């Protein structure tokens, strides 16, 4: 059963990240990048527990490009910020590594 649930992890996390990033204004997103705010820290404990319970063995699909794509439908200006601002893209790259480290089970 966990294998079937893990198949839905990208959609689940896509919804969570999309909602989180889409609710930001451009000014807030710039502040998050400049302060190196953790996306993982912004995910509610409930979502963290649900994702961790999937015991994911890999999250190769989680990249900064994937996050930009996930955000582009709801908030194209935020997606554009990460796509076109090197510092923003670097921050997003670090965030994806942090999320993979937190959610992938060995």
PDB file of N, CA and C in Angstrom:
ATOM      1  N   UNK A   1       0.818  -1.203   0.000  1.00  0.00           N
ATOM      2  CA  UNK A   1       0.000   0.000   0.000  1.00  0.00           C
ATOM      3  C   UNK A   1       0.863   1.269   0.000  1.00  0.00           C
ATOM      4  N   UNK A   2       1.972   1.230   0.742  1.00  0.00           N
ATOM      5  CA  UNK A   2       2.819   2.415   0.805  1.00  0.00           C
ATOM      6  C   UNK A   2       3.373   2.772  -0.565  1.00  0.00           C
ATOM      7  N   UNK A   3       3.650   1.767  -1.406  1.00  0.00           N
ATOM      8  CA  UNK A   3       4.136   2.033  -2.753  1.00  0.00           C
ATOM      9  C   UNK A   3       3.132   2.833  -3.557  1.00  0.00           C
ATOM     10  N   UNK A   4       1.857   2.468  -3.416  1.00  0.00           N
ATOM     11  CA  UNK A   4       0.805   3.193  -4.129  1.00  0.00           C
ATOM     12  C   UNK A   4       0.693   4.618  -3.602  1.00  0.00           C
ATOM     13  N   UNK A   5       0.815   4.778  -2.298  1.00  0.00           N
ATOM     14  CA  UNK A   5       0.744   6.118  -1.713  1.00  0.00           C
ATOM     15  C   UNK A   5       1.944   6.963  -2.133  1.00  0.00           C
ATOM     16  N   UNK A   6       3.106   6.331  -2.192  1.00  0.00           N
ATOM     17  CA  UNK A   6       4.312   7.061  -2.589  1.00  0.00           C
ATOM     18  C   UNK A   6       4.195   7.582  -4.017  1.00  0.00           C
ATOM     19  N   UNK A   7       3.417   6.888  -4.830  1.00  0.00           N
ATOM     20  CA  UNK A   7       3.201   7.326  -6.207  1.00  0.00           C
ATOM     21  C   UNK A   7       2.521   8.697  -6.255  1.00  0.00           C
ATOM     22  N   UNK A   8       1.738   8.996  -5.226  1.00  0.00           N
ATOM     23  CA  UNK A   8       1.024  10.273  -5.173  1.00  0.00           C
ATOM     24  C   UNK A   8       1.801  11.362  -4.451  1.00  0.00           C
ATOM     25  N   UNK A   9       2.977  11.036  -3.931  1.00  0.00           N
ATOM     26  CA  UNK A   9       3.779  12.017  -3.193  1.00  0.00           C
ATOM     27  C   UNK A   9       4.068  13.273  -4.012  1.00  0.00           C
ATOM     28  N   UNK A  10       4.449  13.146  -5.295  1.00  0.00           N
ATOM     29  CA  UNK A  10       4.703  14.381  -6.039  1.00  0.00           C
ATOM     30  C   UNK A  10       3.489  15.315  -6.102  1.00  0.00           C
ATOM     31  N   UNK A  11       2.308  14.757  -6.307  1.00  0.00           N
ATOM     32  CA  UNK A  11       1.106  15.594  -6.375  1.00  0.00           C
ATOM     33  C   UNK A  11       0.785  16.204  -5.009  1.00  0.00           C
ATOM     34  N   UNK A  12       0.984  15.419  -3.969  1.00  0.00           N
ATOM     35  CA  UNK A  12       0.724  15.887  -2.605  1.00  0.00           C
ATOM     36  C   UNK A  12       1.653  17.050  -2.256  1.00  0.00           C
ATOM     37  N   UNK A  13       2.956  16.836  -2.489  1.00  0.00           N
ATOM     38  CA  UNK A  13       3.921  17.880  -2.179  1.00  0.00           C
ATOM     39  C   UNK A  13       3.763  19.066  -3.123  1.00  0.00           C
ATOM     40  N   UNK A  14       3.406  18.800  -4.369  1.00  0.00           N
ATOM     41  CA  UNK A  14       3.175  19.876  -5.331  1.00  0.00           C
ATOM     42  C   UNK A  14       2.083  20.817  -4.813  1.00  0.00           C
ATOM     43  N   UNK A  15       1.000  20.235  -4.309  1.00  0.00           N
ATOM     44  CA  UNK A  15      -0.080  21.051  -3.767  1.00  0.00           C
ATOM     45  C   UNK A  15       0.368  21.876  -2.582  1.00  0.00           C
ATOM     46  N   UNK A  16       1.104  21.243  -1.680  1.00  0.00           N
ATOM     47  CA  UNK A  16       1.562  21.946  -0.486  1.00  0.00           C
ATOM     48  C   UNK A  16       2.522  23.087  -0.829  1.00  0.00           C
ATOM     49  N   UNK A  17       3.519  22.800  -1.676  1.00  0.00           N
ATOM     50  CA  UNK A  17       4.489  23.834  -2.050  1.00  0.00           C
ATOM     51  C   UNK A  17       3.855  24.929  -2.890  1.00  0.00           C
ATOM     52  N   UNK A  18       2.992  24.516  -3.804  1.00  0.00           N
ATOM     53  CA  UNK A  18       2.320  25.492  -4.657  1.00  0.00           C
ATOM     54  C   UNK A  18       1.499  26.461  -3.824  1.00  0.00           C
ATOM     55  N   UNK A  19       0.771  25.916  -2.879  1.00  0.00           N
ATOM     56  CA  UNK A  19      -0.040  26.778  -2.022  1.00  0.00           C
ATOM     57  C   UNK A  19       0.839  27.708  -1.191  1.00  0.00           C
ATOM     58  N   UNK A  20       1.899  27.166  -0.622  1.00  0.00           N
ATOM     59  CA  UNK A  20       2.784  27.963   0.226  1.00  0.00           C
ATOM     60  C   UNK A  20       3.428  29.096  -0.564  1.00  0.00           C
ATOM     61  N   UNK A  21       3.998  28.782  -1.721  1.00  0.00           N
ATOM     62  CA  UNK A  21       4.697  29.797  -2.502  1.00  0.00           C
ATOM     63  C   UNK A  21       3.736  30.763  -3.183  1.00  0.00           C
ATOM     64  N   UNK A  22       2.581  30.261  -3.587  1.00  0.00           N
ATOM     65  CA  UNK A  22       1.614  31.118  -4.277  1.00  0.00           C
ATOM     66  C   UNK A  22       0.971  32.133  -3.349  1.00  0.00           C
ATOM     67  N   UNK A  23       0.997  31.859  -2.068  1.00  0.00           N
ATOM     68  CA  UNK A  23       0.419  32.790  -1.107  1.00  0.00           C
ATOM     69  C   UNK A  23       1.371  33.929  -0.753  1.00  0.00           C
ATOM     70  N   UNK A  24       2.587  33.862  -1.269  1.00  0.00           N
ATOM     71  CA  UNK A  24       3.566  34.915  -1.005  1.00  0.00           C
ATOM     72  C   UNK A  24       3.411  36.049  -2.005  1.00  0.00           C
ATOM     73  N   UNK A  25       3.672  37.240  -1.551  1.00  0.00           N
ATOM     74  CA  UNK A  25       3.832  38.352  -2.490  1.00  0.00           C
ATOM     75  C   UNK A  25       5.269  38.282  -3.000  1.00  0.00           C
ATOM     76  N   UNK A  26       5.552  39.003  -4.055  1.00  0.00           N
ATOM     77  CA  UNK A  26       6.918  39.031  -4.571  1.00  0.00           C
ATOM     78  C   UNK A  26       7.855  39.585  -3.504  1.00  0.00           C
ATOM     79  N   UNK A  27       7.429  40.633  -2.797  1.00  0.00           N
ATOM     80  CA  UNK A  27       8.267  41.201  -1.732  1.00  0.00           C
ATOM     81  C   UNK A  27       8.559  40.181  -0.640  1.00  0.00           C
ATOM     82  N   UNK A  28       7.551  39.379  -0.267  1.00  0.00           N
ATOM     83  CA  UNK A  28       7.762  38.344   0.746  1.00  0.00           C
ATOM     84  C   UNK A  28       8.717  37.268   0.247  1.00  0.00           C
ATOM     85  N   UNK A  29       8.582  36.887  -1.019  1.00  0.00           N
ATOM     86  CA  UNK A  29       9.471  35.879  -1.587  1.00  0.00           C
ATOM     87  C   UNK A  29      10.914  36.380  -1.586  1.00  0.00           C
ATOM     88  N   UNK A  30      11.118  37.626  -1.946  1.00  0.00           N
ATOM     89  CA  UNK A  30      12.459  38.214  -1.930  1.00  0.00           C
ATOM     90  C   UNK A  30      13.011  38.194  -0.508  1.00  0.00           C
ATOM     91  N   UNK A  31      12.183  38.523   0.463  1.00  0.00           N
ATOM     92  CA  UNK A  31      12.593  38.494   1.866  1.00  0.00           C
ATOM     93  C   UNK A  31      12.992  37.078   2.288  1.00  0.00           C
ATOM     94  N   UNK A  32      12.186  36.079   1.904  1.00  0.00           N
ATOM     95  CA  UNK A  32      12.503  34.679   2.230  1.00  0.00           C
ATOM     96  C   UNK A  32      13.866  34.302   1.673  1.00  0.00           C
ATOM     97  N   UNK A  33      14.121  34.694   0.423  1.00  0.00           N
ATOM     98  CA  UNK A  33      15.405  34.373  -0.206  1.00  0.00           C
ATOM     99  C   UNK A  33      16.538  35.089   0.516  1.00  0.00           C
ATOM    100  N   UNK A  34      16.379  36.379   0.755  1.00  0.00           N
ATOM    101  CA  UNK A  34      17.440  37.156   1.398  1.00  0.00           C
ATOM    102  C   UNK A  34      17.711  36.698   2.822  1.00  0.00           C
ATOM    103  N   UNK A  35      16.686  36.205   3.510  1.00  0.00           N
ATOM    104  CA  UNK A  35      16.855  35.708   4.886  1.00  0.00           C
ATOM    105  C   UNK A  35      17.175  34.209   4.910  1.00  0.00           C
ATOM    106  N   UNK A  36      17.230  33.578   3.753  1.00  0.00           N
ATOM    107  CA  UNK A  36      17.470  32.137   3.617  1.00  0.00           C
ATOM    108  C   UNK A  36      16.487  31.337   4.479  1.00  0.00           C
ATOM    109  N   UNK A  37      15.227  31.724   4.388  1.00  0.00           N
ATOM    110  CA  UNK A  37      14.173  31.056   5.146  1.00  0.00           C
ATOM    111  C   UNK A  37      13.993  29.625   4.647  1.00  0.00           C
ATOM    112  N   UNK A  38      13.722  28.719   5.554  1.00  0.00           N
ATOM    113  CA  UNK A  38      13.568  27.306   5.225  1.00  0.00           C
ATOM    114  C   UNK A  38      12.141  26.986   4.794  1.00  0.00           C
ATOM    115  N   UNK A  39      11.993  26.409   3.594  1.00  0.00           N
ATOM    116  CA  UNK A  39      10.673  25.941   3.157  1.00  0.00           C
ATOM    117  C   UNK A  39      10.197  24.797   4.044  1.00  0.00           C
ATOM    118  N   UNK A  40      11.107  23.906   4.417  1.00  0.00           N
ATOM    119  CA  UNK A  40      10.748  22.794   5.283  1.00  0.00           C
ATOM    120  C   UNK A  40      10.122  23.306   6.576  1.00  0.00           C
ATOM    121  N   UNK A  41      10.689  24.368   7.124  1.00  0.00           N
ATOM    122  CA  UNK A  41      10.169  24.956   8.355  1.00  0.00           C
ATOM    123  C   UNK A  41       8.771  25.532   8.210  1.00  0.00           C
ATOM    124  N   UNK A  42       8.377  25.818   6.971  1.00  0.00           N
ATOM    125  CA  UNK A  42       7.057  26.380   6.718  1.00  0.00           C
ATOM    126  C   UNK A  42       5.994  25.322   6.448  1.00  0.00           C
ATOM    127  N   UNK A  43       6.408  24.080   6.250  1.00  0.00           N
ATOM    128  CA  UNK A  43       5.441  23.000   6.024  1.00  0.00           C
ATOM    129  C   UNK A  43       4.881  22.598   7.379  1.00  0.00           C
ATOM    130  N   UNK A  44       3.579  22.516   7.465  1.00  0.00           N
ATOM    131  CA  UNK A  44       2.954  22.207   8.755  1.00  0.00           C
ATOM    132  C   UNK A  44       3.378  20.826   9.240  1.00  0.00           C
ATOM    133  N   UNK A  45       3.446  20.642  10.551  1.00  0.00           N
ATOM    134  CA  UNK A  45       3.808  19.333  11.097  1.00  0.00           C
ATOM    135  C   UNK A  45       2.913  18.204  10.569  1.00  0.00           C
ATOM    136  N   UNK A  46       1.660  18.497  10.330  1.00  0.00           N
ATOM    137  CA  UNK A  46       0.744  17.484   9.799  1.00  0.00           C
ATOM    138  C   UNK A  46       1.219  17.000   8.428  1.00  0.00           C
ATOM    139  N   UNK A  47       1.527  17.940   7.520  1.00  0.00           N
ATOM    140  CA  UNK A  47       2.013  17.578   6.187  1.00  0.00           C
ATOM    141  C   UNK A  47       3.362  16.858   6.277  1.00  0.00           C
ATOM    142  N   UNK A  48       4.245  17.348   7.149  1.00  0.00           N
ATOM    143  CA  UNK A  48       5.547  16.695   7.313  1.00  0.00           C
ATOM    144  C   UNK A  48       5.367  15.229   7.689  1.00  0.00           C
ATOM    145  N   UNK A  49       4.508  14.988   8.670  1.00  0.00           N
ATOM    146  CA  UNK A  49       4.272  13.617   9.140  1.00  0.00           C
ATOM    147  C   UNK A  49       3.672  12.751   8.036  1.00  0.00           C
ATOM    148  N   UNK A  50       2.750  13.308   7.282  1.00  0.00           N
ATOM    149  CA  UNK A  50       2.118  12.539   6.208  1.00  0.00           C
ATOM    150  C   UNK A  50       3.130  12.173   5.124  1.00  0.00           C
ATOM    151  N   UNK A  51       3.981  13.102   4.761  1.00  0.00           N
ATOM    152  CA  UNK A  51       4.980  12.829   3.727  1.00  0.00           C
ATOM    153  C   UNK A  51       6.027  11.851   4.255  1.00  0.00           C
ATOM    154  N   UNK A  52       6.480  12.057   5.481  1.00  0.00           N
ATOM    155  CA  UNK A  52       7.481  11.166   6.076  1.00  0.00           C
ATOM    156  C   UNK A  52       6.939   9.742   6.195  1.00  0.00           C
ATOM    157  N   UNK A  53       5.647   9.604   6.473  1.00  0.00           N
ATOM    158  CA  UNK A  53       5.027   8.286   6.626  1.00  0.00           C
ATOM    159  C   UNK A  53       5.033   7.488   5.318  1.00  0.00           C
ATOM    160  N   UNK A  54       5.202   8.153   4.201  1.00  0.00           N
ATOM    161  CA  UNK A  54       5.251   7.453   2.914  1.00  0.00           C
ATOM    162  C   UNK A  54       6.549   6.658   2.742  1.00  0.00           C
ATOM    163  N   UNK A  55       7.541   6.974   3.567  1.00  0.00           N
ATOM    164  CA  UNK A  55       8.847   6.285   3.504  1.00  0.00           C
ATOM    165  C   UNK A  55       9.405   6.276   2.080  1.00  0.00           C
ATOM    166  N   UNK A  56       9.481   7.453   1.525  1.00  0.00           N
ATOM    167  CA  UNK A  56       9.985   7.608   0.160  1.00  0.00           C
ATOM    168  C   UNK A  56      11.449   7.213   0.080  1.00  0.00           C
ATOM    169  N   UNK A  57      11.795   6.465  -0.930  1.00  0.00           N
ATOM    170  CA  UNK A  57      13.182   6.036  -1.118  1.00  0.00           C
ATOM    171  C   UNK A  57      13.951   6.991  -2.030  1.00  0.00           C
ATOM    172  N   UNK A  58      13.236   7.764  -2.812  1.00  0.00           N
ATOM    173  CA  UNK A  58      13.883   8.770  -3.660  1.00  0.00           C
ATOM    174  C   UNK A  58      12.868   9.852  -3.998  1.00  0.00           C
ATOM    175  N   UNK A  59      13.411  10.993  -4.314  1.00  0.00           N
ATOM    176  CA  UNK A  59      12.581  12.131  -4.719  1.00  0.00           C
ATOM    177  C   UNK A  59      13.286  12.843  -5.871  1.00  0.00           C
ATOM    178  N   UNK A  60      13.705  12.069  -6.859  1.00  0.00           N
ATOM    179  CA  UNK A  60      14.422  12.644  -8.000  1.00  0.00           C
ATOM    180  C   UNK A  60      13.608  13.709  -8.720  1.00  0.00           C
ATOM    181  N   UNK A  61      12.305  13.612  -8.620  1.00  0.00           N
ATOM    182  CA  UNK A  61      11.421  14.551  -9.299  1.00  0.00           C
ATOM    183  C   UNK A  61      11.440  15.936  -8.651  1.00  0.00           C
ATOM    184  N   UNK A  62      11.894  16.019  -7.387  1.00  0.00           N
ATOM    185  CA  UNK A  62      11.877  17.302  -6.676  1.00  0.00           C
ATOM    186  C   UNK A  62      13.109  18.114  -7.043  1.00  0.00           C
ATOM    187  N   UNK A  63      12.916  19.084  -7.928  1.00  0.00           N
ATOM    188  CA  UNK A  63      13.974  19.986  -8.369  1.00  0.00           C
ATOM    189  C   UNK A  63      13.449  21.412  -8.293  1.00  0.00           C
ATOM    190  N   UNK A  64      14.343  22.361  -8.432  1.00  0.00           N
ATOM    191  CA  UNK A  64      13.878  23.753  -8.424  1.00  0.00           C
ATOM    192  C   UNK A  64      12.986  24.009  -9.636  1.00  0.00           C
ATOM    193  N   UNK A  65      13.301  23.391 -10.779  1.00  0.00           N
ATOM    194  CA  UNK A  65      12.448  23.534 -11.964  1.00  0.00           C
ATOM    195  C   UNK A  65      11.049  22.995 -11.723  1.00  0.00           C
ATOM    196  N   UNK A  66      10.964  21.873 -11.010  1.00  0.00           N
ATOM    197  CA  UNK A  66       9.668  21.278 -10.667  1.00  0.00           C
ATOM    198  C   UNK A  66       8.881  22.235  -9.770  1.00  0.00           C
ATOM    199  N   UNK A  67       9.566  22.855  -8.798  1.00  0.00           N
ATOM    200  CA  UNK A  67       8.899  23.807  -7.896  1.00  0.00           C
ATOM    201  C   UNK A  67       8.403  25.037  -8.660  1.00  0.00           C
ATOM    202  N   UNK A  68       9.218  25.510  -9.589  1.00  0.00           N
ATOM    203  CA  UNK A  68       8.817  26.665 -10.400  1.00  0.00           C
ATOM    204  C   UNK A  68       7.581  26.307 -11.220  1.00  0.00           C
ATOM    205  N   UNK A  69       7.596  25.138 -11.816  1.00  0.00           N
ATOM    206  CA  UNK A  69       6.443  24.684 -12.593  1.00  0.00           C
ATOM    207  C   UNK A  69       5.203  24.555 -11.707  1.00  0.00           C
ATOM    208  N   UNK A  70       5.385  24.009 -10.514  1.00  0.00           N
ATOM    209  CA  UNK A  70       4.262  23.829  -9.591  1.00  0.00           C
ATOM    210  C   UNK A  70       3.658  25.172  -9.179  1.00  0.00           C
ATOM    211  N   UNK A  71       4.473  26.186  -9.124  1.00  0.00           N
ATOM    212  CA  UNK A  71       4.029  27.511  -8.685  1.00  0.00           C
ATOM    213  C   UNK A  71       3.476  28.349  -9.838  1.00  0.00           C
ATOM    214  N   UNK A  72       3.883  28.034 -11.050  1.00  0.00           N
ATOM    215  CA  UNK A  72       3.561  28.904 -12.184  1.00  0.00           C
ATOM    216  C   UNK A  72       2.069  29.049 -12.468  1.00  0.00           C
ATOM    217  N   UNK A  73       1.288  28.020 -12.208  1.00  0.00           N
ATOM    218  CA  UNK A  73      -0.154  28.116 -12.479  1.00  0.00           C
ATOM    219  C   UNK A  73      -0.844  29.105 -11.555  1.00  0.00           C
ATOM    220  N   UNK A  74      -0.535  29.040 -10.279  1.00  0.00           N
ATOM    221  CA  UNK A  74      -1.204  29.886  -9.289  1.00  0.00           C
ATOM    222  C   UNK A  74      -0.570  31.259  -9.159  1.00  0.00           C
ATOM    223  N   UNK A  75       0.750  31.313  -9.373  1.00  0.00           N
ATOM    224  CA  UNK A  75       1.453  32.565  -9.136  1.00  0.00           C
ATOM    225  C   UNK A  75       2.618  32.722 -10.118  1.00  0.00           C
ATOM    226  N   UNK A  76       2.300  33.110 -11.358  1.00  0.00           N
ATOM    227  CA  UNK A  76       3.366  33.232 -12.354  1.00  0.00           C
ATOM    228  C   UNK A  76       4.444  34.244 -11.978  1.00  0.00           C
ATOM    229  N   UNK A  77       4.104  35.274 -11.214  1.00  0.00           N
ATOM    230  CA  UNK A  77       5.109  36.259 -10.832  1.00  0.00           C
ATOM    231  C   UNK A  77       6.126  35.674  -9.855  1.00  0.00           C
ATOM    232  N   UNK A  78       5.704  34.773  -8.976  1.00  0.00           N
ATOM    233  CA  UNK A  78       6.636  34.120  -8.057  1.00  0.00           C
ATOM    234  C   UNK A  78       7.502  33.131  -8.843  1.00  0.00           C
ATOM    235  N   UNK A  79       6.878  32.373  -9.728  1.00  0.00           N
ATOM    236  CA  UNK A  79       7.627  31.431 -10.560  1.00  0.00           C
ATOM    237  C   UNK A  79       8.678  32.177 -11.383  1.00  0.00           C
ATOM    238  N   UNK A  80       8.307  33.311 -11.942  1.00  0.00           N
ATOM    239  CA  UNK A  80       9.222  34.115 -12.744  1.00  0.00           C
ATOM    240  C   UNK A  80      10.387  34.638 -11.900  1.00  0.00           C
ATOM    241  N   UNK A  81      10.099  35.013 -10.678  1.00  0.00           N
ATOM    242  CA  UNK A  81      11.147  35.489  -9.777  1.00  0.00           C
ATOM    243  C   UNK A  81      12.216  34.414  -9.595  1.00  0.00           C
ATOM    244  N   UNK A  82      11.788  33.179  -9.318  1.00  0.00           N
ATOM    245  CA  UNK A  82      12.751  32.091  -9.114  1.00  0.00           C
ATOM    246  C   UNK A  82      13.430  31.677 -10.413  1.00  0.00           C
ATOM    247  N   UNK A  83      12.735  31.791 -11.499  1.00  0.00           N
ATOM    248  CA  UNK A  83      13.290  31.410 -12.796  1.00  0.00           C
ATOM    249  C   UNK A  83      14.348  32.402 -13.264  1.00  0.00           C
ATOM    250  N   UNK A  84      14.122  33.679 -13.018  1.00  0.00           N
ATOM    251  CA  UNK A  84      14.976  34.724 -13.587  1.00  0.00           C
ATOM    252  C   UNK A  84      15.962  35.375 -12.622  1.00  0.00           C
ATOM    253  N   UNK A  85      15.858  35.091 -11.343  1.00  0.00           N
ATOM    254  CA  UNK A  85      16.752  35.703 -10.357  1.00  0.00           C
ATOM    255  C   UNK A  85      17.723  34.628  -9.866  1.00  0.00           C
ATOM    256  N   UNK A  86      19.000  34.711 -10.244  1.00  0.00           N
ATOM    257  CA  UNK A  86      19.949  33.661  -9.861  1.00  0.00           C
ATOM    258  C   UNK A  86      19.978  33.371  -8.358  1.00  0.00           C
ATOM    259  N   UNK A  87      19.931  34.408  -7.532  1.00  0.00           N
ATOM    260  CA  UNK A  87      19.946  34.189  -6.081  1.00  0.00           C
ATOM    261  C   UNK A  87      18.687  33.434  -5.640  1.00  0.00           C
ATOM    262  N   UNK A  88      17.559  33.754  -6.253  1.00  0.00           N
ATOM    263  CA  UNK A  88      16.316  33.052  -5.939  1.00  0.00           C
ATOM    264  C   UNK A  88      16.372  31.599  -6.360  1.00  0.00           C
ATOM    265  N   UNK A  89      16.940  31.336  -7.519  1.00  0.00           N
ATOM    266  CA  UNK A  89      17.069  29.961  -8.010  1.00  0.00           C
ATOM    267  C   UNK A  89      18.014  29.155  -7.124  1.00  0.00           C
ATOM    268  N   UNK A  90      19.115  29.775  -6.679  1.00  0.00           N
ATOM    269  CA  UNK A  90      20.054  29.107  -5.779  1.00  0.00           C
ATOM    270  C   UNK A  90      19.370  28.765  -4.453  1.00  0.00           C
ATOM    271  N   UNK A  91      18.584  29.685  -3.938  1.00  0.00           N
ATOM    272  CA  UNK A  91      17.837  29.435  -2.708  1.00  0.00           C
ATOM    273  C   UNK A  91      16.885  28.257  -2.898  1.00  0.00           C
ATOM    274  N   UNK A  92      16.177  28.255  -4.007  1.00  0.00           N
ATOM    275  CA  UNK A  92      15.232  27.185  -4.282  1.00  0.00           C
ATOM    276  C   UNK A  92      15.955  25.844  -4.447  1.00  0.00           C
ATOM    277  N   UNK A  93      17.124  25.859  -5.053  1.00  0.00           N
ATOM    278  CA  UNK A  93      17.939  24.642  -5.162  1.00  0.00           C
ATOM    279  C   UNK A  93      18.274  24.106  -3.761  1.00  0.00           C
ATOM    280  N   UNK A  94      18.685  24.987  -2.864  1.00  0.00           N
ATOM    281  CA  UNK A  94      19.011  24.565  -1.489  1.00  0.00           C
ATOM    282  C   UNK A  94      17.780  24.006  -0.778  1.00  0.00           C
ATOM    283  N   UNK A  95      16.638  24.623  -1.031  1.00  0.00           N
ATOM    284  CA  UNK A  95      15.413  24.166  -0.378  1.00  0.00           C
ATOM    285  C   UNK A  95      15.029  22.758  -0.834  1.00  0.00           C
ATOM    286  N   UNK A  96      15.216  22.468  -2.113  1.00  0.00           N
ATOM    287  CA  UNK A  96      14.860  21.127  -2.596  1.00  0.00           C
ATOM    288  C   UNK A  96      15.776  20.079  -1.981  1.00  0.00           C
ATOM    289  N   UNK A  97      17.050  20.413  -1.815  1.00  0.00           N
ATOM    290  CA  UNK A  97      17.979  19.483  -1.163  1.00  0.00           C
ATOM    291  C   UNK A  97      17.540  19.250   0.292  1.00  0.00           C
ATOM    292  N   UNK A  98      17.166  20.317   0.978  1.00  0.00           N
ATOM    293  CA  UNK A  98      16.720  20.194   2.371  1.00  0.00           C
ATOM    294  C   UNK A  98      15.466  19.326   2.465  1.00  0.00           C
ATOM    295  N   UNK A  99      14.528  19.525   1.560  1.00  0.00           N
ATOM    296  CA  UNK A  99      13.295  18.730   1.581  1.00  0.00           C
ATOM    297  C   UNK A  99      13.589  17.260   1.296  1.00  0.00           C
ATOM    298  N   UNK A 100      14.449  16.996   0.338  1.00  0.00           N
ATOM    299  CA  UNK A 100      14.810  15.601   0.035  1.00  0.00           C
ATOM    300  C   UNK A 100      15.468  14.955   1.248  1.00  0.00           C
ATOM    301  N   UNK A 101      16.380  15.667   1.876  1.00  0.00           N
ATOM    302  CA  UNK A 101      17.054  15.136   3.050  1.00  0.00           C
ATOM    303  C   UNK A 101      16.068  14.833   4.173  1.00  0.00           C
ATOM    304  N   UNK A 102      15.085  15.691   4.326  1.00  0.00           N
ATOM    305  CA  UNK A 102      14.109  15.508   5.404  1.00  0.00           C
ATOM    306  C   UNK A 102      13.127  14.388   5.137  1.00  0.00           C
ATOM    307  N   UNK A 103      12.764  14.180   3.872  1.00  0.00           N
ATOM    308  CA  UNK A 103      11.672  13.251   3.565  1.00  0.00           C
ATOM    309  C   UNK A 103      12.072  11.892   3.022  1.00  0.00           C
ATOM    310  N   UNK A 104      13.289  11.754   2.518  1.00  0.00           N
ATOM    311  CA  UNK A 104      13.693  10.476   1.945  1.00  0.00           C
ATOM    312  C   UNK A 104      14.168   9.540   3.045  1.00  0.00           C
ATOM    313  N   UNK A 105      13.623   8.336   3.061  1.00  0.00           N
ATOM    314  CA  UNK A 105      14.020   7.310   4.035  1.00  0.00           C
ATOM    315  C   UNK A 105      15.077   6.416   3.406  1.00  0.00           C
ATOM    316  N   UNK A 106      16.038   6.066   4.186  1.00  0.00           N
ATOM    317  CA  UNK A 106      17.109   5.157   3.692  1.00  0.00           C
ATOM    318  C   UNK A 106      16.618   3.730   3.665  1.00  0.00           C
TER     319      UNK A 106
END
